[in-house]
Amino acid sequence: MKEYKLTILTPTYNRGVVLKRLYESLLKQTYRNFEWVIINDGATDNTDEIVSNFINEGIISIKYKKKINGGKPSAHNEGVMLADSDLTIICDDDDYFVKDALKIVVDTWKEFLQDDTIGLIGYRGTKEETPLNDCHFPKKRYGRIQEIFPSGQYFDTTQIYKTDILKRTLFPITSEEKFVPEVWLWNELDKYGKLIIIHKVLEICKYREDGLTKTNSQTIWNNPKGYSTYFLQKYEKTKGLKRVKYYNVYKGLRISTKSEYKRDVLCSLLGFPIFMYVFARRFSSWRKR
């Protein structure tokens, strides 16, 4: 039976102090056929020195690249293109793996792999027995993102995808901004197939005050083009009145950046107040910068 190779992909920015925790969790894994790809997104701390020490120890395979600061999506893209593996696990720099997480991933993949499976999804938790916010997957073995989160209320998970599919589906990047919602990528990957659901915690998650989750309320106004891509996707995939809402958020963000946008006269008329609110919030945010 084939021995699958994994890539652990970690974009990082000024988080050298927490990388050691993730490194130590990788050293404890019983499944050893993996590489750790670390993309330093222009950090100004001692990340270079810390990772150099990991590499010099020579215990696990590490690929390390430092780039000009461009945001997590661009770091993700570069890491994906460096990956040389069958499956890639996206792991934030402030998370770490539970014991045997990689073995669980590979064993589950071998057991439940089907022609239309493109990856796996498992829990992140505050501890090994407790998924974040006590959120749970549907009680089934397979599903696309839209089936796993039918209400559109996403929670943080560990996601693993075929590396070749990730290479075909990269984040859209603009020179003016540094962020695109991760959900945009998960929704795009849905068209390739379904995920195997692992009903176990694979990563321990420790949110930090400088993380994107903590600063999300302002992120949309600072990255209108990135978010307009996401809301266009939502508009195109949604039916009913929510389609009107998503279109006008998308349109408001696009017009606020003097960008071209897709026309929908009916949605524009029905959702004009939403458009005006988004445009006003974006303009107000711009004036405060």
Foldseek 3Di string as FASTA:
>chain_A
DDDWEEEEEEEDAQPLVQQVQQLVLLLQEPRARYEYEYEYQQHPDCNVVSVVVVVVVVRHHYHYYYDHHQADQVSVLVSLVPDDTFKYKYDYSNKHWDYNLVVVQVVLCVVDPDPFAFWAKEFEEQDFAAGPVNDFFPPDFKDQPCNRCVVPDDDDIIIMGGSVLDNVQGQDGDRQHHDADPVLRSVVSSVRGMHTYDHTHTMNHDDDCPDCVNVVVCRCLSCLVRDLSVLVVVLVVDDDPVNLLSQLLSVLSQVLVPHDDDDDPVSCVVNVVSNVVNNVVSVVSVVVD
